[in-house]
Amino acid sequence: MARFDGKLVGYENVCRHLPLSLDGGDGEIFSRDGRHFFCQSHGALYEPATGLCVRGPCEGARLKKLKFAVHDGVIWLEQNSPETK
């Protein structure tokens, strides 16, 4: 889960190139300029609003989106998350 442009977005923390976490375990997922999610292992860049990989070995692939809801300030993942589209 992350906040981008004032909106909450949620994706699996797994690169689409190889099944490794984007953050490398340190919790940092944004590129230096804050405009993309960044895979620390492969250098892939993803658009936070869509999950689309715009640069790197998995260009054109999308992060797996998580279904979630916010109730009383608490984030709840929906039962069938992530989406299987």
C-alpha atoms as a PDB file:
ATOM      1  CA  MET A   1       0.000   0.000   0.000  1.00  0.00           C
ATOM      2  CA  ALA A   2       1.211   3.485  -0.804  1.00  0.00           C
ATOM      3  CA  ARG A   3      -0.133   6.991  -1.164  1.00  0.00           C
ATOM      4  CA  PHE A   4       0.432   8.602  -4.560  1.00  0.00           C
ATOM      5  CA  ASP A   5      -1.030  11.920  -5.718  1.00  0.00           C
ATOM      6  CA  GLY A   6      -3.232  11.941  -2.628  1.00  0.00           C
ATOM      7  CA  LYS A   7      -4.733   8.522  -3.395  1.00  0.00           C
ATOM      8  CA  LEU A   8      -4.128   5.169  -1.764  1.00  0.00           C
ATOM      9  CA  VAL A   9      -2.931   2.457  -4.169  1.00  0.00           C
ATOM     10  CA  GLY A  10      -2.195  -1.182  -3.453  1.00  0.00           C
ATOM     11  CA  TYR A  11      -0.149  -3.747  -5.342  1.00  0.00           C
ATOM     12  CA  GLU A  12       1.718  -6.908  -4.420  1.00  0.00           C
ATOM     13  CA  ASN A  13       5.285  -5.986  -3.495  1.00  0.00           C
ATOM     14  CA  VAL A  14       6.649  -8.318  -6.177  1.00  0.00           C
ATOM     15  CA  CYS A  15       8.539  -7.355  -9.331  1.00  0.00           C
ATOM     16  CA  ARG A  16       7.032  -8.703 -12.558  1.00  0.00           C
ATOM     17  CA  HIS A  17      10.484  -9.641 -13.908  1.00  0.00           C
ATOM     18  CA  LEU A  18      11.495 -12.050 -11.142  1.00  0.00           C
ATOM     19  CA  PRO A  19       9.520 -12.798  -7.971  1.00  0.00           C
ATOM     20  CA  LEU A  20      11.538 -10.493  -5.701  1.00  0.00           C
ATOM     21  CA  SER A  21      10.205  -7.664  -3.548  1.00  0.00           C
ATOM     22  CA  LEU A  22      10.409  -4.210  -5.103  1.00  0.00           C
ATOM     23  CA  ASP A  23      11.764  -2.704  -1.890  1.00  0.00           C
ATOM     24  CA  GLY A  24      14.547  -5.185  -1.225  1.00  0.00           C
ATOM     25  CA  GLY A  25      13.245  -5.443   2.344  1.00  0.00           C
ATOM     26  CA  ASP A  26      13.848  -1.841   3.417  1.00  0.00           C
ATOM     27  CA  GLY A  27      10.328  -0.510   2.730  1.00  0.00           C
ATOM     28  CA  GLU A  28      11.478   2.005   0.101  1.00  0.00           C
ATOM     29  CA  ILE A  29       9.469   1.600  -3.111  1.00  0.00           C
ATOM     30  CA  PHE A  30       9.569   5.041  -4.723  1.00  0.00           C
ATOM     31  CA  SER A  31      12.155   6.228  -7.225  1.00  0.00           C
ATOM     32  CA  ARG A  32      14.349   9.151  -6.143  1.00  0.00           C
ATOM     33  CA  ASP A  33      12.063  11.658  -7.885  1.00  0.00           C
ATOM     34  CA  GLY A  34       8.963  10.093  -6.238  1.00  0.00           C
ATOM     35  CA  ARG A  35       7.194   9.590  -9.570  1.00  0.00           C
ATOM     36  CA  HIS A  36       7.495   5.789  -9.891  1.00  0.00           C
ATOM     37  CA  PHE A  37       7.703   2.606  -7.906  1.00  0.00           C
ATOM     38  CA  PHE A  38      11.246   1.296  -8.274  1.00  0.00           C
ATOM     39  CA  CYS A  39      12.494  -2.291  -8.180  1.00  0.00           C
ATOM     40  CA  GLN A  40      15.771  -2.198  -6.260  1.00  0.00           C
ATOM     41  CA  SER A  41      16.874  -5.523  -7.778  1.00  0.00           C
ATOM     42  CA  HIS A  42      16.324  -4.817 -11.482  1.00  0.00           C
ATOM     43  CA  GLY A  43      15.818  -1.065 -11.783  1.00  0.00           C
ATOM     44  CA  ALA A  44      12.323  -1.460 -13.238  1.00  0.00           C
ATOM     45  CA  LEU A  45      10.026   1.577 -12.953  1.00  0.00           C
ATOM     46  CA  TYR A  46       6.261   1.249 -12.481  1.00  0.00           C
ATOM     47  CA  GLU A  47       3.534   3.895 -12.699  1.00  0.00           C
ATOM     48  CA  PRO A  48       1.943   4.044  -9.239  1.00  0.00           C
ATOM     49  CA  ALA A  49      -1.527   4.898 -10.566  1.00  0.00           C
ATOM     50  CA  THR A  50      -1.708   1.888 -12.912  1.00  0.00           C
ATOM     51  CA  GLY A  51       1.050  -0.539 -11.877  1.00  0.00           C
ATOM     52  CA  LEU A  52       2.362  -0.518 -15.467  1.00  0.00           C
ATOM     53  CA  CYS A  53       6.090  -1.151 -15.901  1.00  0.00           C
ATOM     54  CA  VAL A  54       7.402   1.697 -18.047  1.00  0.00           C
ATOM     55  CA  ARG A  55      11.110   0.854 -17.936  1.00  0.00           C
ATOM     56  CA  GLY A  56      13.113  -2.269 -17.244  1.00  0.00           C
ATOM     57  CA  PRO A  57      13.186  -5.961 -18.100  1.00  0.00           C
ATOM     58  CA  CYS A  58       9.433  -6.349 -17.541  1.00  0.00           C
ATOM     59  CA  GLU A  59       8.321  -3.298 -19.563  1.00  0.00           C
ATOM     60  CA  GLY A  60       4.637  -3.558 -20.444  1.00  0.00           C
ATOM     61  CA  ALA A  61       3.792  -5.907 -17.549  1.00  0.00           C
ATOM     62  CA  ARG A  62       1.688  -4.727 -14.587  1.00  0.00           C
ATOM     63  CA  LEU A  63       2.017  -5.183 -10.869  1.00  0.00           C
ATOM     64  CA  LYS A  64      -0.740  -7.324  -9.354  1.00  0.00           C
ATOM     65  CA  LYS A  65      -3.333  -4.967  -7.922  1.00  0.00           C
ATOM     66  CA  LEU A  66      -4.683  -5.529  -4.419  1.00  0.00           C
ATOM     67  CA  LYS A  67      -8.361  -5.026  -3.671  1.00  0.00           C
ATOM     68  CA  PHE A  68      -8.847  -3.072  -0.472  1.00  0.00           C
ATOM     69  CA  ALA A  69     -11.275  -0.877   1.423  1.00  0.00           C
ATOM     70  CA  VAL A  70     -10.774   1.785   4.069  1.00  0.00           C
ATOM     71  CA  HIS A  71     -13.175   1.819   7.028  1.00  0.00           C
ATOM     72  CA  ASP A  72     -12.772   4.204   9.954  1.00  0.00           C
ATOM     73  CA  GLY A  73      -9.166   4.887   8.947  1.00  0.00           C
ATOM     74  CA  VAL A  74      -8.228   1.182   8.803  1.00  0.00           C
ATOM     75  CA  ILE A  75      -7.135  -0.452   5.538  1.00  0.00           C
ATOM     76  CA  TRP A  76      -8.702  -3.857   4.890  1.00  0.00           C
ATOM     77  CA  LEU A  77      -7.554  -6.201   2.137  1.00  0.00           C
ATOM     78  CA  GLU A  78     -10.464  -7.893   0.443  1.00  0.00           C
ATOM     79  CA  GLN A  79     -10.581 -11.658   0.657  1.00  0.00           C
ATOM     80  CA  ASN A  80      -9.800 -12.498  -2.969  1.00  0.00           C
ATOM     81  CA  SER A  81      -6.865 -10.106  -3.229  1.00  0.00           C
ATOM     82  CA  PRO A  82      -4.778  -9.839  -5.435  1.00  0.00           C
ATOM     83  CA  GLU A  83      -6.877  -9.473  -8.571  1.00  0.00           C
ATOM     84  CA  THR A  84      -6.393 -12.280 -11.033  1.00  0.00           C
ATOM     85  CA  LYS A  85      -6.855 -10.304 -14.247  1.00  0.00           C
END
